[in-house]
Amino acid sequence: MELIYLYIRKYEDILKNVEFNFSSNYIVTMKDNVLNIDENVNSVKNYYGDNVNNVIMFFGKNGMGKSTLLDILGMNRDDRINDTFAGKSGERYSKNLYFILYHL
């Protein structure tokens, strides 16, 4: 399984309308609520060997959302559901909105 893309429409007051490409094998963009996925014909296959597909680095100033981004990626399914929706059962509303794309 390969993590390809993350689009964050809104996450608390930290991240808004940002996208992250995690794969050098695909070029993914979200524009006008349309997801575009293109294979990157210039990607180098097996550069890191058979077990590693890609290496990504995050850097930036304090408070830019690096740790928040890692928290989003590291959540399990139940935590992701609780993080996305707030309110009592029947009165739920969207608290945080994001989309994660994997390739199997």
PDB file of N, CA and C in Angstrom:
ATOM      1  N   MET A   1       0.851  -1.169   0.000  1.00  0.00           N
ATOM      2  CA  MET A   1       0.000   0.000   0.000  1.00  0.00           C
ATOM      3  C   MET A   1       0.902   1.239   0.000  1.00  0.00           C
ATOM      4  N   GLU A   2       0.522   2.206  -0.816  1.00  0.00           N
ATOM      5  CA  GLU A   2       1.304   3.438  -0.943  1.00  0.00           C
ATOM      6  C   GLU A   2       0.408   4.649  -0.692  1.00  0.00           C
ATOM      7  N   LEU A   3       0.845   5.503   0.217  1.00  0.00           N
ATOM      8  CA  LEU A   3       0.161   6.776   0.445  1.00  0.00           C
ATOM      9  C   LEU A   3       0.498   7.690  -0.721  1.00  0.00           C
ATOM     10  N   ILE A   4      -0.545   8.200  -1.395  1.00  0.00           N
ATOM     11  CA  ILE A   4      -0.323   9.006  -2.588  1.00  0.00           C
ATOM     12  C   ILE A   4      -0.595  10.482  -2.354  1.00  0.00           C
ATOM     13  N   TYR A   5      -1.696  10.795  -1.652  1.00  0.00           N
ATOM     14  CA  TYR A   5      -2.158  12.186  -1.653  1.00  0.00           C
ATOM     15  C   TYR A   5      -3.013  12.467  -0.428  1.00  0.00           C
ATOM     16  N   LEU A   6      -2.941  13.691   0.056  1.00  0.00           N
ATOM     17  CA  LEU A   6      -3.806  14.169   1.135  1.00  0.00           C
ATOM     18  C   LEU A   6      -4.265  15.576   0.779  1.00  0.00           C
ATOM     19  N   TYR A   7      -5.583  15.777   0.791  1.00  0.00           N
ATOM     20  CA  TYR A   7      -6.157  17.110   0.603  1.00  0.00           C
ATOM     21  C   TYR A   7      -6.880  17.486   1.883  1.00  0.00           C
ATOM     22  N   ILE A   8      -6.578  18.643   2.424  1.00  0.00           N
ATOM     23  CA  ILE A   8      -7.223  19.118   3.643  1.00  0.00           C
ATOM     24  C   ILE A   8      -8.024  20.365   3.301  1.00  0.00           C
ATOM     25  N   ARG A   9      -9.331  20.233   3.362  1.00  0.00           N
ATOM     26  CA  ARG A   9     -10.188  21.407   3.137  1.00  0.00           C
ATOM     27  C   ARG A   9     -10.177  22.289   4.376  1.00  0.00           C
ATOM     28  N   LYS A  10     -10.281  21.630   5.557  1.00  0.00           N
ATOM     29  CA  LYS A  10     -10.281  22.391   6.807  1.00  0.00           C
ATOM     30  C   LYS A  10      -9.875  21.451   7.929  1.00  0.00           C
ATOM     31  N   TYR A  11      -8.889  21.852   8.714  1.00  0.00           N
ATOM     32  CA  TYR A  11      -8.521  21.097   9.902  1.00  0.00           C
ATOM     33  C   TYR A  11      -8.259  22.095  11.023  1.00  0.00           C
ATOM     34  N   GLU A  12      -9.225  22.156  11.947  1.00  0.00           N
ATOM     35  CA  GLU A  12      -9.201  23.120  13.038  1.00  0.00           C
ATOM     36  C   GLU A  12      -8.941  24.511  12.458  1.00  0.00           C
ATOM     37  N   ASP A  13      -8.096  25.286  13.077  1.00  0.00           N
ATOM     38  CA  ASP A  13      -7.742  26.600  12.534  1.00  0.00           C
ATOM     39  C   ASP A  13      -6.320  26.601  12.006  1.00  0.00           C
ATOM     40  N   ILE A  14      -5.781  25.412  11.752  1.00  0.00           N
ATOM     41  CA  ILE A  14      -4.374  25.300  11.385  1.00  0.00           C
ATOM     42  C   ILE A  14      -4.178  25.171   9.876  1.00  0.00           C
ATOM     43  N   LEU A  15      -4.904  24.233   9.257  1.00  0.00           N
ATOM     44  CA  LEU A  15      -4.717  23.955   7.834  1.00  0.00           C
ATOM     45  C   LEU A  15      -6.018  24.177   7.070  1.00  0.00           C
ATOM     46  N   LYS A  16      -5.940  24.866   5.942  1.00  0.00           N
ATOM     47  CA  LYS A  16      -7.121  25.110   5.107  1.00  0.00           C
ATOM     48  C   LYS A  16      -6.721  25.067   3.635  1.00  0.00           C
ATOM     49  N   ASN A  17      -7.469  24.294   2.856  1.00  0.00           N
ATOM     50  CA  ASN A  17      -7.274  24.185   1.408  1.00  0.00           C
ATOM     51  C   ASN A  17      -5.816  23.958   1.015  1.00  0.00           C
ATOM     52  N   VAL A  18      -5.238  22.905   1.569  1.00  0.00           N
ATOM     53  CA  VAL A  18      -3.861  22.533   1.223  1.00  0.00           C
ATOM     54  C   VAL A  18      -3.845  21.098   0.716  1.00  0.00           C
ATOM     55  N   GLU A  19      -2.896  20.802  -0.156  1.00  0.00           N
ATOM     56  CA  GLU A  19      -2.758  19.455  -0.667  1.00  0.00           C
ATOM     57  C   GLU A  19      -1.309  19.013  -0.578  1.00  0.00           C
ATOM     58  N   PHE A  20      -1.123  17.700  -0.356  1.00  0.00           N
ATOM     59  CA  PHE A  20       0.197  17.115  -0.208  1.00  0.00           C
ATOM     60  C   PHE A  20       0.302  15.905  -1.131  1.00  0.00           C
ATOM     61  N   ASN A  21       1.309  15.879  -1.977  1.00  0.00           N
ATOM     62  CA  ASN A  21       1.608  14.718  -2.803  1.00  0.00           C
ATOM     63  C   ASN A  21       2.706  13.926  -2.115  1.00  0.00           C
ATOM     64  N   PHE A  22       2.454  12.655  -1.860  1.00  0.00           N
ATOM     65  CA  PHE A  22       3.419  11.816  -1.162  1.00  0.00           C
ATOM     66  C   PHE A  22       4.112  10.827  -2.086  1.00  0.00           C
ATOM     67  N   SER A  23       3.701  10.725  -3.314  1.00  0.00           N
ATOM     68  CA  SER A  23       4.235   9.734  -4.227  1.00  0.00           C
ATOM     69  C   SER A  23       4.906  10.410  -5.412  1.00  0.00           C
ATOM     70  N   SER A  24       6.064   9.894  -5.781  1.00  0.00           N
ATOM     71  CA  SER A  24       6.703  10.384  -7.003  1.00  0.00           C
ATOM     72  C   SER A  24       6.162   9.642  -8.226  1.00  0.00           C
ATOM     73  N   ASN A  25       5.338   8.610  -8.010  1.00  0.00           N
ATOM     74  CA  ASN A  25       4.777   7.829  -9.116  1.00  0.00           C
ATOM     75  C   ASN A  25       3.527   8.467  -9.722  1.00  0.00           C
ATOM     76  N   TYR A  26       2.880   9.371  -8.985  1.00  0.00           N
ATOM     77  CA  TYR A  26       1.643   9.993  -9.451  1.00  0.00           C
ATOM     78  C   TYR A  26       1.689  11.497  -9.200  1.00  0.00           C
ATOM     79  N   ILE A  27       0.985  12.229 -10.050  1.00  0.00           N
ATOM     80  CA  ILE A  27       0.794  13.665  -9.856  1.00  0.00           C
ATOM     81  C   ILE A  27      -0.698  13.860  -9.616  1.00  0.00           C
ATOM     82  N   VAL A  28      -1.048  14.300  -8.415  1.00  0.00           N
ATOM     83  CA  VAL A  28      -2.450  14.418  -8.021  1.00  0.00           C
ATOM     84  C   VAL A  28      -2.739  15.866  -7.663  1.00  0.00           C
ATOM     85  N   THR A  29      -3.872  16.364  -8.150  1.00  0.00           N
ATOM     86  CA  THR A  29      -4.313  17.711  -7.809  1.00  0.00           C
ATOM     87  C   THR A  29      -5.826  17.717  -7.600  1.00  0.00           C
ATOM     88  N   MET A  30      -6.293  18.630  -6.776  1.00  0.00           N
ATOM     89  CA  MET A  30      -7.714  18.846  -6.554  1.00  0.00           C
ATOM     90  C   MET A  30      -8.014  20.272  -6.979  1.00  0.00           C
ATOM     91  N   LYS A  31      -8.869  20.417  -7.993  1.00  0.00           N
ATOM     92  CA  LYS A  31      -9.228  21.746  -8.478  1.00  0.00           C
ATOM     93  C   LYS A  31     -10.724  21.770  -8.741  1.00  0.00           C
ATOM     94  N   ASP A  32     -11.421  22.738  -8.163  1.00  0.00           N
ATOM     95  CA  ASP A  32     -12.869  22.880  -8.316  1.00  0.00           C
ATOM     96  C   ASP A  32     -13.598  21.589  -7.939  1.00  0.00           C
ATOM     97  N   ASN A  33     -13.161  20.961  -6.841  1.00  0.00           N
ATOM     98  CA  ASN A  33     -13.744  19.712  -6.331  1.00  0.00           C
ATOM     99  C   ASN A  33     -13.620  18.545  -7.307  1.00  0.00           C
ATOM    100  N   VAL A  34     -12.662  18.608  -8.213  1.00  0.00           N
ATOM    101  CA  VAL A  34     -12.387  17.510  -9.135  1.00  0.00           C
ATOM    102  C   VAL A  34     -10.979  16.998  -8.849  1.00  0.00           C
ATOM    103  N   LEU A  35     -10.879  15.691  -8.600  1.00  0.00           N
ATOM    104  CA  LEU A  35      -9.602  15.058  -8.316  1.00  0.00           C
ATOM    105  C   LEU A  35      -8.983  14.580  -9.624  1.00  0.00           C
ATOM    106  N   ASN A  36      -7.779  15.041  -9.920  1.00  0.00           N
ATOM    107  CA  ASN A  36      -7.049  14.629 -11.128  1.00  0.00           C
ATOM    108  C   ASN A  36      -5.855  13.792 -10.717  1.00  0.00           C
ATOM    109  N   ILE A  37      -5.748  12.589 -11.283  1.00  0.00           N
ATOM    110  CA  ILE A  37      -4.646  11.678 -10.988  1.00  0.00           C
ATOM    111  C   ILE A  37      -3.969  11.319 -12.303  1.00  0.00           C
ATOM    112  N   ASP A  38      -2.690  11.641 -12.401  1.00  0.00           N
ATOM    113  CA  ASP A  38      -1.908  11.310 -13.589  1.00  0.00           C
ATOM    114  C   ASP A  38      -0.681  10.528 -13.161  1.00  0.00           C
ATOM    115  N   GLU A  39      -0.351   9.498 -13.921  1.00  0.00           N
ATOM    116  CA  GLU A  39       0.864   8.747 -13.636  1.00  0.00           C
ATOM    117  C   GLU A  39       2.063   9.590 -14.041  1.00  0.00           C
ATOM    118  N   ASN A  40       3.067   9.633 -13.203  1.00  0.00           N
ATOM    119  CA  ASN A  40       4.283  10.386 -13.478  1.00  0.00           C
ATOM    120  C   ASN A  40       5.222   9.506 -14.306  1.00  0.00           C
ATOM    121  N   VAL A  41       5.284   9.769 -15.581  1.00  0.00           N
ATOM    122  CA  VAL A  41       6.099   8.936 -16.474  1.00  0.00           C
ATOM    123  C   VAL A  41       7.593   9.167 -16.243  1.00  0.00           C
ATOM    124  N   ASN A  42       7.962  10.233 -15.535  1.00  0.00           N
ATOM    125  CA  ASN A  42       9.363  10.536 -15.270  1.00  0.00           C
ATOM    126  C   ASN A  42       9.864  10.008 -13.935  1.00  0.00           C
ATOM    127  N   SER A  43       9.034   9.271 -13.205  1.00  0.00           N
ATOM    128  CA  SER A  43       9.466   8.777 -11.890  1.00  0.00           C
ATOM    129  C   SER A  43      10.497   7.670 -12.055  1.00  0.00           C
ATOM    130  N   VAL A  44      11.410   7.586 -11.111  1.00  0.00           N
ATOM    131  CA  VAL A  44      12.462   6.576 -11.115  1.00  0.00           C
ATOM    132  C   VAL A  44      11.987   5.416 -10.252  1.00  0.00           C
ATOM    133  N   LYS A  45      11.885   4.240 -10.829  1.00  0.00           N
ATOM    134  CA  LYS A  45      11.396   3.048 -10.117  1.00  0.00           C
ATOM    135  C   LYS A  45      12.535   2.401  -9.327  1.00  0.00           C
ATOM    136  N   ASN A  46      12.196   1.890  -8.143  1.00  0.00           N
ATOM    137  CA  ASN A  46      13.115   1.131  -7.275  1.00  0.00           C
ATOM    138  C   ASN A  46      14.399   1.878  -6.939  1.00  0.00           C
ATOM    139  N   TYR A  47      14.334   3.190  -6.827  1.00  0.00           N
ATOM    140  CA  TYR A  47      15.504   3.982  -6.479  1.00  0.00           C
ATOM    141  C   TYR A  47      16.007   3.635  -5.075  1.00  0.00           C
ATOM    142  N   TYR A  48      15.072   3.377  -4.149  1.00  0.00           N
ATOM    143  CA  TYR A  48      15.423   3.061  -2.770  1.00  0.00           C
ATOM    144  C   TYR A  48      15.388   1.561  -2.498  1.00  0.00           C
ATOM    145  N   GLY A  49      15.291   0.733  -3.506  1.00  0.00           N
ATOM    146  CA  GLY A  49      15.209  -0.710  -3.327  1.00  0.00           C
ATOM    147  C   GLY A  49      13.768  -1.183  -3.453  1.00  0.00           C
ATOM    148  N   ASP A  50      13.537  -2.445  -3.171  1.00  0.00           N
ATOM    149  CA  ASP A  50      12.215  -3.042  -3.346  1.00  0.00           C
ATOM    150  C   ASP A  50      11.220  -2.680  -2.245  1.00  0.00           C
ATOM    151  N   ASN A  51      11.700  -2.370  -1.044  1.00  0.00           N
ATOM    152  CA  ASN A  51      10.808  -2.189   0.101  1.00  0.00           C
ATOM    153  C   ASN A  51      10.419  -0.741   0.379  1.00  0.00           C
ATOM    154  N   VAL A  52      11.092   0.229  -0.223  1.00  0.00           N
ATOM    155  CA  VAL A  52      10.801   1.636   0.019  1.00  0.00           C
ATOM    156  C   VAL A  52      10.388   2.267  -1.305  1.00  0.00           C
ATOM    157  N   ASN A  53       9.178   2.855  -1.339  1.00  0.00           N
ATOM    158  CA  ASN A  53       8.690   3.485  -2.563  1.00  0.00           C
ATOM    159  C   ASN A  53       9.137   4.928  -2.698  1.00  0.00           C
ATOM    160  N   ASN A  54       9.238   5.637  -1.554  1.00  0.00           N
ATOM    161  CA  ASN A  54       9.453   7.067  -1.638  1.00  0.00           C
ATOM    162  C   ASN A  54       9.917   7.592  -0.294  1.00  0.00           C
ATOM    163  N   VAL A  55      10.580   8.734  -0.288  1.00  0.00           N
ATOM    164  CA  VAL A  55      10.977   9.412   0.934  1.00  0.00           C
ATOM    165  C   VAL A  55      10.504  10.860   0.812  1.00  0.00           C
ATOM    166  N   ILE A  56       9.759  11.327   1.818  1.00  0.00           N
ATOM    167  CA  ILE A  56       9.214  12.684   1.830  1.00  0.00           C
ATOM    168  C   ILE A  56       9.723  13.399   3.079  1.00  0.00           C
ATOM    169  N   MET A  57      10.019  14.681   2.958  1.00  0.00           N
ATOM    170  CA  MET A  57      10.483  15.471   4.092  1.00  0.00           C
ATOM    171  C   MET A  57       9.522  16.642   4.309  1.00  0.00           C
ATOM    172  N   PHE A  58       9.199  16.901   5.572  1.00  0.00           N
ATOM    173  CA  PHE A  58       8.380  18.054   5.939  1.00  0.00           C
ATOM    174  C   PHE A  58       9.247  19.036   6.699  1.00  0.00           C
ATOM    175  N   PHE A  59       9.187  20.276   6.317  1.00  0.00           N
ATOM    176  CA  PHE A  59       9.906  21.301   7.063  1.00  0.00           C
ATOM    177  C   PHE A  59       9.123  22.595   6.994  1.00  0.00           C
ATOM    178  N   GLY A  60       9.321  23.434   7.995  1.00  0.00           N
ATOM    179  CA  GLY A  60       8.628  24.709   8.052  1.00  0.00           C
ATOM    180  C   GLY A  60       8.768  25.326   9.423  1.00  0.00           C
ATOM    181  N   LYS A  61       8.235  26.514   9.569  1.00  0.00           N
ATOM    182  CA  LYS A  61       8.293  27.239  10.831  1.00  0.00           C
ATOM    183  C   LYS A  61       7.406  26.563  11.871  1.00  0.00           C
ATOM    184  N   ASN A  62       7.648  26.889  13.127  1.00  0.00           N
ATOM    185  CA  ASN A  62       6.790  26.396  14.208  1.00  0.00           C
ATOM    186  C   ASN A  62       5.365  26.887  14.012  1.00  0.00           C
ATOM    187  N   GLY A  63       4.403  26.018  14.275  1.00  0.00           N
ATOM    188  CA  GLY A  63       3.002  26.382  14.178  1.00  0.00           C
ATOM    189  C   GLY A  63       2.422  26.289  12.777  1.00  0.00           C
ATOM    190  N   MET A  64       3.148  25.737  11.818  1.00  0.00           N
ATOM    191  CA  MET A  64       2.668  25.643  10.440  1.00  0.00           C
ATOM    192  C   MET A  64       1.819  24.399  10.189  1.00  0.00           C
ATOM    193  N   GLY A  65       1.839  23.423  11.117  1.00  0.00           N
ATOM    194  CA  GLY A  65       0.987  22.245  10.974  1.00  0.00           C
ATOM    195  C   GLY A  65       1.705  20.942  10.684  1.00  0.00           C
ATOM    196  N   LYS A  66       3.029  20.889  10.860  1.00  0.00           N
ATOM    197  CA  LYS A  66       3.768  19.654  10.587  1.00  0.00           C
ATOM    198  C   LYS A  66       3.323  18.516  11.498  1.00  0.00           C
ATOM    199  N   SER A  67       3.237  18.759  12.774  1.00  0.00           N
ATOM    200  CA  SER A  67       2.805  17.715  13.718  1.00  0.00           C
ATOM    201  C   SER A  67       1.342  17.355  13.504  1.00  0.00           C
ATOM    202  N   THR A  68       0.517  18.326  13.185  1.00  0.00           N
ATOM    203  CA  THR A  68      -0.897  18.068  12.897  1.00  0.00           C
ATOM    204  C   THR A  68      -1.032  17.162  11.683  1.00  0.00           C
ATOM    205  N   LEU A  69      -0.236  17.408  10.665  1.00  0.00           N
ATOM    206  CA  LEU A  69      -0.242  16.566   9.472  1.00  0.00           C
ATOM    207  C   LEU A  69       0.114  15.123   9.824  1.00  0.00           C
ATOM    208  N   LEU A  70       1.129  14.923  10.626  1.00  0.00           N
ATOM    209  CA  LEU A  70       1.509  13.571  11.045  1.00  0.00           C
ATOM    210  C   LEU A  70       0.430  12.941  11.917  1.00  0.00           C
ATOM    211  N   ASP A  71      -0.233  13.727  12.747  1.00  0.00           N
ATOM    212  CA  ASP A  71      -1.349  13.208  13.553  1.00  0.00           C
ATOM    213  C   ASP A  71      -2.477  12.701  12.660  1.00  0.00           C
ATOM    214  N   ILE A  72      -2.810  13.440  11.613  1.00  0.00           N
ATOM    215  CA  ILE A  72      -3.871  13.027  10.684  1.00  0.00           C
ATOM    216  C   ILE A  72      -3.498  11.710  10.020  1.00  0.00           C
ATOM    217  N   LEU A  73      -2.278  11.603   9.554  1.00  0.00           N
ATOM    218  CA  LEU A  73      -1.843  10.393   8.843  1.00  0.00           C
ATOM    219  C   LEU A  73      -1.755   9.187   9.766  1.00  0.00           C
ATOM    220  N   GLY A  74      -1.501   9.410  11.047  1.00  0.00           N
ATOM    221  CA  GLY A  74      -1.317   8.305  11.981  1.00  0.00           C
ATOM    222  C   GLY A  74      -2.574   7.819  12.675  1.00  0.00           C
ATOM    223  N   MET A  75      -3.715   8.433  12.418  1.00  0.00           N
ATOM    224  CA  MET A  75      -4.962   8.040  13.099  1.00  0.00           C
ATOM    225  C   MET A  75      -5.486   6.702  12.609  1.00  0.00           C
ATOM    226  N   ASN A  76      -6.107   5.966  13.537  1.00  0.00           N
ATOM    227  CA  ASN A  76      -6.819   4.757  13.113  1.00  0.00           C
ATOM    228  C   ASN A  76      -8.240   5.150  12.707  1.00  0.00           C
ATOM    229  N   ARG A  77      -8.998   4.186  12.215  1.00  0.00           N
ATOM    230  CA  ARG A  77     -10.324   4.470  11.646  1.00  0.00           C
ATOM    231  C   ARG A  77     -11.268   5.124  12.667  1.00  0.00           C
ATOM    232  N   ASP A  78     -11.340   4.587  13.875  1.00  0.00           N
ATOM    233  CA  ASP A  78     -12.240   5.140  14.889  1.00  0.00           C
ATOM    234  C   ASP A  78     -11.856   6.559  15.284  1.00  0.00           C
ATOM    235  N   ASP A  79     -10.565   6.801  15.455  1.00  0.00           N
ATOM    236  CA  ASP A  79     -10.112   8.151  15.791  1.00  0.00           C
ATOM    237  C   ASP A  79     -10.394   9.125  14.648  1.00  0.00           C
ATOM    238  N   ARG A  80     -10.260   8.645  13.405  1.00  0.00           N
ATOM    239  CA  ARG A  80     -10.527   9.495  12.242  1.00  0.00           C
ATOM    240  C   ARG A  80     -12.004   9.887  12.187  1.00  0.00           C
ATOM    241  N   ILE A  81     -12.894   8.950  12.484  1.00  0.00           N
ATOM    242  CA  ILE A  81     -14.338   9.241  12.506  1.00  0.00           C
ATOM    243  C   ILE A  81     -14.655  10.255  13.597  1.00  0.00           C
ATOM    244  N   ASN A  82     -14.116  10.053  14.792  1.00  0.00           N
ATOM    245  CA  ASN A  82     -14.356  10.988  15.894  1.00  0.00           C
ATOM    246  C   ASN A  82     -13.738  12.353  15.633  1.00  0.00           C
ATOM    247  N   ASP A  83     -12.635  12.380  14.894  1.00  0.00           N
ATOM    248  CA  ASP A  83     -11.976  13.637  14.573  1.00  0.00           C
ATOM    249  C   ASP A  83     -12.727  14.414  13.492  1.00  0.00           C
ATOM    250  N   THR A  84     -13.435  13.694  12.639  1.00  0.00           N
ATOM    251  CA  THR A  84     -14.133  14.329  11.523  1.00  0.00           C
ATOM    252  C   THR A  84     -15.488  14.885  11.933  1.00  0.00           C
ATOM    253  N   PHE A  85     -16.202  14.164  12.788  1.00  0.00           N
ATOM    254  CA  PHE A  85     -17.553  14.566  13.169  1.00  0.00           C
ATOM    255  C   PHE A  85     -17.613  14.949  14.635  1.00  0.00           C
ATOM    256  N   ALA A  86     -18.428  15.932  14.950  1.00  0.00           N
ATOM    257  CA  ALA A  86     -18.621  16.386  16.324  1.00  0.00           C
ATOM    258  C   ALA A  86     -20.111  16.439  16.611  1.00  0.00           C
ATOM    259  N   GLY A  87     -20.465  16.543  17.860  1.00  0.00           N
ATOM    260  CA  GLY A  87     -21.864  16.634  18.244  1.00  0.00           C
ATOM    261  C   GLY A  87     -22.408  15.286  18.681  1.00  0.00           C
ATOM    262  N   LYS A  88     -23.607  15.315  19.251  1.00  0.00           N
ATOM    263  CA  LYS A  88     -24.268  14.097  19.702  1.00  0.00           C
ATOM    264  C   LYS A  88     -24.804  13.321  18.509  1.00  0.00           C
ATOM    265  N   SER A  89     -25.090  12.064  18.734  1.00  0.00           N
ATOM    266  CA  SER A  89     -25.663  11.231  17.679  1.00  0.00           C
ATOM    267  C   SER A  89     -26.965  11.855  17.189  1.00  0.00           C
ATOM    268  N   GLY A  90     -27.135  11.983  15.887  1.00  0.00           N
ATOM    269  CA  GLY A  90     -28.310  12.622  15.312  1.00  0.00           C
ATOM    270  C   GLY A  90     -28.141  14.108  15.097  1.00  0.00           C
ATOM    271  N   GLU A  91     -27.175  14.707  15.778  1.00  0.00           N
ATOM    272  CA  GLU A  91     -26.904  16.137  15.630  1.00  0.00           C
ATOM    273  C   GLU A  91     -25.470  16.364  15.167  1.00  0.00           C
ATOM    274  N   ARG A  92     -24.922  15.422  14.446  1.00  0.00           N
ATOM    275  CA  ARG A  92     -23.519  15.495  14.057  1.00  0.00           C
ATOM    276  C   ARG A  92     -23.291  16.522  12.959  1.00  0.00           C
ATOM    277  N   TYR A  93     -22.146  17.153  12.998  1.00  0.00           N
ATOM    278  CA  TYR A  93     -21.728  18.095  11.966  1.00  0.00           C
ATOM    279  C   TYR A  93     -20.254  17.849  11.653  1.00  0.00           C
ATOM    280  N   SER A  94     -19.809  18.292  10.498  1.00  0.00           N
ATOM    281  CA  SER A  94     -18.424  18.102  10.074  1.00  0.00           C
ATOM    282  C   SER A  94     -17.529  19.089  10.804  1.00  0.00           C
ATOM    283  N   LYS A  95     -16.594  18.538  11.542  1.00  0.00           N
ATOM    284  CA  LYS A  95     -15.648  19.354  12.293  1.00  0.00           C
ATOM    285  C   LYS A  95     -14.378  19.605  11.472  1.00  0.00           C
ATOM    286  N   ASN A  96     -13.810  18.547  10.919  1.00  0.00           N
ATOM    287  CA  ASN A  96     -12.608  18.612  10.103  1.00  0.00           C
ATOM    288  C   ASN A  96     -12.875  17.881   8.788  1.00  0.00           C
ATOM    289  N   LEU A  97     -12.390  18.416   7.691  1.00  0.00           N
ATOM    290  CA  LEU A  97     -12.654  17.832   6.375  1.00  0.00           C
ATOM    291  C   LEU A  97     -11.344  17.592   5.637  1.00  0.00           C
ATOM    292  N   TYR A  98     -11.089  16.326   5.289  1.00  0.00           N
ATOM    293  CA  TYR A  98      -9.890  15.991   4.532  1.00  0.00           C
ATOM    294  C   TYR A  98     -10.113  14.696   3.773  1.00  0.00           C
ATOM    295  N   PHE A  99      -9.244  14.444   2.786  1.00  0.00           N
ATOM    296  CA  PHE A  99      -9.349  13.283   1.903  1.00  0.00           C
ATOM    297  C   PHE A  99      -7.967  12.673   1.754  1.00  0.00           C
ATOM    298  N   ILE A 100      -7.868  11.355   1.975  1.00  0.00           N
ATOM    299  CA  ILE A 100      -6.584  10.657   1.856  1.00  0.00           C
ATOM    300  C   ILE A 100      -6.705   9.612   0.755  1.00  0.00           C
ATOM    301  N   LEU A 101      -5.729   9.562  -0.149  1.00  0.00           N
ATOM    302  CA  LEU A 101      -5.741   8.617  -1.264  1.00  0.00           C
ATOM    303  C   LEU A 101      -4.559   7.661  -1.139  1.00  0.00           C
ATOM    304  N   TYR A 102      -4.872   6.359  -1.188  1.00  0.00           N
ATOM    305  CA  TYR A 102      -3.864   5.298  -1.154  1.00  0.00           C
ATOM    306  C   TYR A 102      -3.930   4.504  -2.452  1.00  0.00           C
ATOM    307  N   HIS A 103      -2.824   3.869  -2.810  1.00  0.00           N
ATOM    308  CA  HIS A 103      -2.800   2.939  -3.936  1.00  0.00           C
ATOM    309  C   HIS A 103      -2.466   1.552  -3.368  1.00  0.00           C
ATOM    310  N   LEU A 104      -3.316   0.588  -3.678  1.00  0.00           N
ATOM    311  CA  LEU A 104      -3.092  -0.784  -3.185  1.00  0.00           C
ATOM    312  C   LEU A 104      -2.377  -1.606  -4.235  1.00  0.00           C
TER     313      LEU A 104
END
